[in-house]
Amino acid sequence: MIRKAKIDDIKAIHRLLNEYGKKGELLSRPLSELYDHLRDFSVYVDNQENKVLGCCALQFCWEDLAEIRSLAVQPEHTGKNIGSTLTEAALSEAKSYNMKKVFTLTYQPEFFKKYGFVEIERSKLPLKIWGDCLLCIKFPDCDEIAMMKDID
């Protein structure tokens, strides 16, 4: 089941993002930032155990642009369409807010290509998003791939 994240989910989201962050497969987020952006997150929850199996954030950047970020699935639950379900939910949410475009910065471009994202130069992204980049441990040597999708 997918639902909007609750305060009680933040520590599970933090652990999940840190797990992938340690492997260099995703940028981890400080706990304080997760609390600040709680409303951006959706979680995929195991109904029986009420355990967070995956998470994804949709952050609004501009009047017509949003970002999918922090998409992660518990390693033992990959291959079960949890990431796909979270991505589809984020895209649906973006559409419901009349977003025209959604972008992501990713190490998994093949995954996002399945949803109509295309690779773009990072320089094509609006300056507004670079504020987050300045705080990143990989700045200015970012190795994530920028991708964009037009919302129908």
C-alpha atoms as a PDB file:
ATOM      1  CA  MET A   1       0.000   0.000   0.000  1.00  0.00           C
ATOM      2  CA  ILE A   2       1.212   3.515  -0.789  1.00  0.00           C
ATOM      3  CA  ARG A   3       0.402   6.422   1.492  1.00  0.00           C
ATOM      4  CA  LYS A   4       1.815   9.801   2.367  1.00  0.00           C
ATOM      5  CA  ALA A   5       4.613   9.532   4.917  1.00  0.00           C
ATOM      6  CA  LYS A   6       3.943  10.231   8.585  1.00  0.00           C
ATOM      7  CA  ILE A   7       6.264  11.476  11.299  1.00  0.00           C
ATOM      8  CA  ASP A   8       6.649   7.912  12.563  1.00  0.00           C
ATOM      9  CA  ASP A   9       8.064   6.881   9.152  1.00  0.00           C
ATOM     10  CA  ILE A  10      10.968   9.350   9.108  1.00  0.00           C
ATOM     11  CA  LYS A  11      13.518   7.166  10.911  1.00  0.00           C
ATOM     12  CA  ALA A  12      12.748   4.202   8.625  1.00  0.00           C
ATOM     13  CA  ILE A  13      13.121   6.463   5.560  1.00  0.00           C
ATOM     14  CA  HIS A  14      16.395   7.809   6.972  1.00  0.00           C
ATOM     15  CA  ARG A  15      17.788   4.289   7.505  1.00  0.00           C
ATOM     16  CA  LEU A  16      16.744   3.243   4.005  1.00  0.00           C
ATOM     17  CA  LEU A  17      18.322   6.277   2.311  1.00  0.00           C
ATOM     18  CA  ASN A  18      21.496   5.924   4.376  1.00  0.00           C
ATOM     19  CA  GLU A  19      21.799   2.260   3.391  1.00  0.00           C
ATOM     20  CA  TYR A  20      21.878   3.192  -0.294  1.00  0.00           C
ATOM     21  CA  GLY A  21      23.939   6.299   0.426  1.00  0.00           C
ATOM     22  CA  LYS A  22      26.734   4.213   1.968  1.00  0.00           C
ATOM     23  CA  LYS A  23      26.875   2.171  -1.236  1.00  0.00           C
ATOM     24  CA  GLY A  24      27.044   5.348  -3.338  1.00  0.00           C
ATOM     25  CA  GLU A  25      23.814   4.449  -5.120  1.00  0.00           C
ATOM     26  CA  LEU A  26      21.758   7.357  -3.799  1.00  0.00           C
ATOM     27  CA  LEU A  27      22.353  10.586  -1.956  1.00  0.00           C
ATOM     28  CA  SER A  28      21.446  10.165   1.683  1.00  0.00           C
ATOM     29  CA  ARG A  29      19.582  12.968   3.421  1.00  0.00           C
ATOM     30  CA  PRO A  30      20.118  14.391   6.903  1.00  0.00           C
ATOM     31  CA  LEU A  31      17.391  13.528   9.380  1.00  0.00           C
ATOM     32  CA  SER A  32      16.527  17.222   9.843  1.00  0.00           C
ATOM     33  CA  GLU A  33      15.953  17.595   6.094  1.00  0.00           C
ATOM     34  CA  LEU A  34      13.600  14.624   6.098  1.00  0.00           C
ATOM     35  CA  TYR A  35      11.504  16.232   8.811  1.00  0.00           C
ATOM     36  CA  ASP A  36      11.506  19.498   6.834  1.00  0.00           C
ATOM     37  CA  HIS A  37      10.287  17.696   3.703  1.00  0.00           C
ATOM     38  CA  LEU A  38       7.970  15.110   5.270  1.00  0.00           C
ATOM     39  CA  ARG A  39       5.034  16.205   3.098  1.00  0.00           C
ATOM     40  CA  ASP A  40       7.048  15.446  -0.059  1.00  0.00           C
ATOM     41  CA  PHE A  41       7.362  11.751   0.800  1.00  0.00           C
ATOM     42  CA  SER A  42       5.190   8.788   0.035  1.00  0.00           C
ATOM     43  CA  VAL A  43       5.931   5.361   1.436  1.00  0.00           C
ATOM     44  CA  TYR A  44       5.150   1.841   0.352  1.00  0.00           C
ATOM     45  CA  VAL A  45       4.095  -0.047   3.467  1.00  0.00           C
ATOM     46  CA  ASP A  46       3.656  -3.739   4.195  1.00  0.00           C
ATOM     47  CA  ASN A  47       0.084  -3.805   5.493  1.00  0.00           C
ATOM     48  CA  GLN A  48       0.610  -6.827   7.725  1.00  0.00           C
ATOM     49  CA  GLU A  49       3.692  -5.539   9.532  1.00  0.00           C
ATOM     50  CA  ASN A  50       3.155  -1.796   8.946  1.00  0.00           C
ATOM     51  CA  LYS A  51       6.791  -1.666   7.821  1.00  0.00           C
ATOM     52  CA  VAL A  52       8.175   0.838   5.299  1.00  0.00           C
ATOM     53  CA  LEU A  53       9.421  -1.150   2.295  1.00  0.00           C
ATOM     54  CA  GLY A  54      10.111   1.825   0.045  1.00  0.00           C
ATOM     55  CA  CYS A  55       9.959   5.583  -0.228  1.00  0.00           C
ATOM     56  CA  CYS A  56       9.879   8.334  -2.815  1.00  0.00           C
ATOM     57  CA  ALA A  57       9.668  12.122  -2.626  1.00  0.00           C
ATOM     58  CA  LEU A  58       8.084  14.526  -5.083  1.00  0.00           C
ATOM     59  CA  GLN A  59       9.444  18.004  -4.523  1.00  0.00           C
ATOM     60  CA  PHE A  60       7.963  21.018  -6.282  1.00  0.00           C
ATOM     61  CA  CYS A  61      10.656  23.284  -7.695  1.00  0.00           C
ATOM     62  CA  TRP A  62       8.743  25.802  -9.741  1.00  0.00           C
ATOM     63  CA  GLU A  63       5.200  26.462 -10.937  1.00  0.00           C
ATOM     64  CA  ASP A  64       5.485  23.786 -13.616  1.00  0.00           C
ATOM     65  CA  LEU A  65       8.443  21.656 -12.523  1.00  0.00           C
ATOM     66  CA  ALA A  66       8.833  18.940  -9.889  1.00  0.00           C
ATOM     67  CA  GLU A  67      11.594  16.512  -8.940  1.00  0.00           C
ATOM     68  CA  ILE A  68      11.378  12.839  -8.078  1.00  0.00           C
ATOM     69  CA  ARG A  69      14.016  12.198  -5.433  1.00  0.00           C
ATOM     70  CA  SER A  70      14.966   9.738  -2.723  1.00  0.00           C
ATOM     71  CA  LEU A  71      13.392   6.742  -4.453  1.00  0.00           C
ATOM     72  CA  ALA A  72      14.519   3.664  -2.543  1.00  0.00           C
ATOM     73  CA  VAL A  73      13.285   0.138  -1.819  1.00  0.00           C
ATOM     74  CA  GLN A  74      14.422  -2.214   0.931  1.00  0.00           C
ATOM     75  CA  PRO A  75      17.056  -4.408  -0.797  1.00  0.00           C
ATOM     76  CA  GLU A  76      15.265  -7.627   0.123  1.00  0.00           C
ATOM     77  CA  HIS A  77      12.115  -6.314  -1.608  1.00  0.00           C
ATOM     78  CA  THR A  78      13.591  -5.162  -4.933  1.00  0.00           C
ATOM     79  CA  GLY A  79      12.111  -6.748  -8.036  1.00  0.00           C
ATOM     80  CA  LYS A  80       8.582  -6.638  -6.585  1.00  0.00           C
ATOM     81  CA  ASN A  81       7.464  -3.502  -8.482  1.00  0.00           C
ATOM     82  CA  ILE A  82       7.623  -1.348  -5.354  1.00  0.00           C
ATOM     83  CA  GLY A  83       9.895   1.221  -7.021  1.00  0.00           C
ATOM     84  CA  SER A  84       7.666   1.233 -10.091  1.00  0.00           C
ATOM     85  CA  THR A  85       4.550   1.718  -7.995  1.00  0.00           C
ATOM     86  CA  LEU A  86       6.158   4.609  -6.094  1.00  0.00           C
ATOM     87  CA  THR A  87       7.333   6.223  -9.342  1.00  0.00           C
ATOM     88  CA  GLU A  88       3.893   5.936 -10.926  1.00  0.00           C
ATOM     89  CA  ALA A  89       2.320   7.445  -7.809  1.00  0.00           C
ATOM     90  CA  ALA A  90       4.768  10.372  -7.880  1.00  0.00           C
ATOM     91  CA  LEU A  91       4.055  11.002 -11.567  1.00  0.00           C
ATOM     92  CA  SER A  92       0.325  10.840 -10.923  1.00  0.00           C
ATOM     93  CA  GLU A  93       0.691  13.305  -8.048  1.00  0.00           C
ATOM     94  CA  ALA A  94       2.732  15.653 -10.267  1.00  0.00           C
ATOM     95  CA  LYS A  95       0.008  15.513 -12.899  1.00  0.00           C
ATOM     96  CA  SER A  96      -2.688  16.244 -10.300  1.00  0.00           C
ATOM     97  CA  TYR A  97      -0.812  19.460  -9.446  1.00  0.00           C
ATOM     98  CA  ASN A  98      -0.625  20.406 -13.144  1.00  0.00           C
ATOM     99  CA  MET A  99       3.130  20.036 -13.333  1.00  0.00           C
ATOM    100  CA  LYS A 100       4.362  20.204 -16.928  1.00  0.00           C
ATOM    101  CA  LYS A 101       7.702  18.466 -16.334  1.00  0.00           C
ATOM    102  CA  VAL A 102       9.306  16.172 -13.799  1.00  0.00           C
ATOM    103  CA  PHE A 103      13.040  15.631 -13.520  1.00  0.00           C
ATOM    104  CA  THR A 104      15.290  13.382 -11.529  1.00  0.00           C
ATOM    105  CA  LEU A 105      18.993  13.077 -10.808  1.00  0.00           C
ATOM    106  CA  THR A 106      19.801   9.398 -10.750  1.00  0.00           C
ATOM    107  CA  TYR A 107      22.325   6.599 -10.928  1.00  0.00           C
ATOM    108  CA  GLN A 108      19.645   4.346 -12.467  1.00  0.00           C
ATOM    109  CA  PRO A 109      18.778   5.908 -15.850  1.00  0.00           C
ATOM    110  CA  GLU A 110      17.456   2.659 -17.343  1.00  0.00           C
ATOM    111  CA  PHE A 111      14.788   2.476 -14.648  1.00  0.00           C
ATOM    112  CA  PHE A 112      13.517   5.975 -15.385  1.00  0.00           C
ATOM    113  CA  LYS A 113      13.629   5.491 -19.174  1.00  0.00           C
ATOM    114  CA  LYS A 114      10.789   2.964 -18.718  1.00  0.00           C
ATOM    115  CA  TYR A 115       8.607   5.889 -17.598  1.00  0.00           C
ATOM    116  CA  GLY A 116       9.455   8.204 -20.465  1.00  0.00           C
ATOM    117  CA  PHE A 117      12.331  10.118 -18.879  1.00  0.00           C
ATOM    118  CA  VAL A 118      15.110  11.188 -21.229  1.00  0.00           C
ATOM    119  CA  GLU A 119      18.660  12.138 -20.356  1.00  0.00           C
ATOM    120  CA  ILE A 120      19.409  15.867 -20.401  1.00  0.00           C
ATOM    121  CA  GLU A 121      22.381  18.052 -19.594  1.00  0.00           C
ATOM    122  CA  ARG A 122      22.298  19.196 -15.961  1.00  0.00           C
ATOM    123  CA  SER A 123      22.823  22.729 -17.233  1.00  0.00           C
ATOM    124  CA  LYS A 124      19.290  22.572 -18.728  1.00  0.00           C
ATOM    125  CA  LEU A 125      17.808  22.431 -15.216  1.00  0.00           C
ATOM    126  CA  PRO A 126      16.689  25.756 -13.727  1.00  0.00           C
ATOM    127  CA  LEU A 127      19.077  27.561 -11.407  1.00  0.00           C
ATOM    128  CA  LYS A 128      16.607  27.155  -8.538  1.00  0.00           C
ATOM    129  CA  ILE A 129      17.541  23.477  -8.097  1.00  0.00           C
ATOM    130  CA  TRP A 130      21.242  24.217  -7.697  1.00  0.00           C
ATOM    131  CA  GLY A 131      20.684  25.400  -4.112  1.00  0.00           C
ATOM    132  CA  ASP A 132      20.389  21.751  -3.036  1.00  0.00           C
ATOM    133  CA  CYS A 133      23.443  20.859  -5.101  1.00  0.00           C
ATOM    134  CA  LEU A 134      25.591  23.359  -3.218  1.00  0.00           C
ATOM    135  CA  LEU A 135      24.914  21.391  -0.021  1.00  0.00           C
ATOM    136  CA  CYS A 136      25.721  18.012  -1.578  1.00  0.00           C
ATOM    137  CA  ILE A 137      28.892  16.186  -0.568  1.00  0.00           C
ATOM    138  CA  LYS A 138      29.596  15.481  -4.256  1.00  0.00           C
ATOM    139  CA  PHE A 139      29.423  19.127  -5.363  1.00  0.00           C
ATOM    140  CA  PRO A 140      30.874  20.225  -7.758  1.00  0.00           C
ATOM    141  CA  ASP A 141      31.810  16.753  -9.047  1.00  0.00           C
ATOM    142  CA  CYS A 142      28.281  15.430  -9.476  1.00  0.00           C
ATOM    143  CA  ASP A 143      28.096  12.085 -11.233  1.00  0.00           C
ATOM    144  CA  GLU A 144      24.320  11.680 -11.212  1.00  0.00           C
ATOM    145  CA  ILE A 145      22.497  11.617 -14.531  1.00  0.00           C
ATOM    146  CA  ALA A 146      19.873  14.317 -15.115  1.00  0.00           C
ATOM    147  CA  MET A 147      16.640  13.121 -16.708  1.00  0.00           C
ATOM    148  CA  MET A 148      13.411  14.889 -17.631  1.00  0.00           C
ATOM    149  CA  LYS A 149       9.885  13.798 -18.474  1.00  0.00           C
ATOM    150  CA  ASP A 150       7.131  15.894 -20.012  1.00  0.00           C
ATOM    151  CA  ILE A 151       3.808  15.283 -18.280  1.00  0.00           C
ATOM    152  CA  ASP A 152       0.906  14.760 -20.690  1.00  0.00           C
END
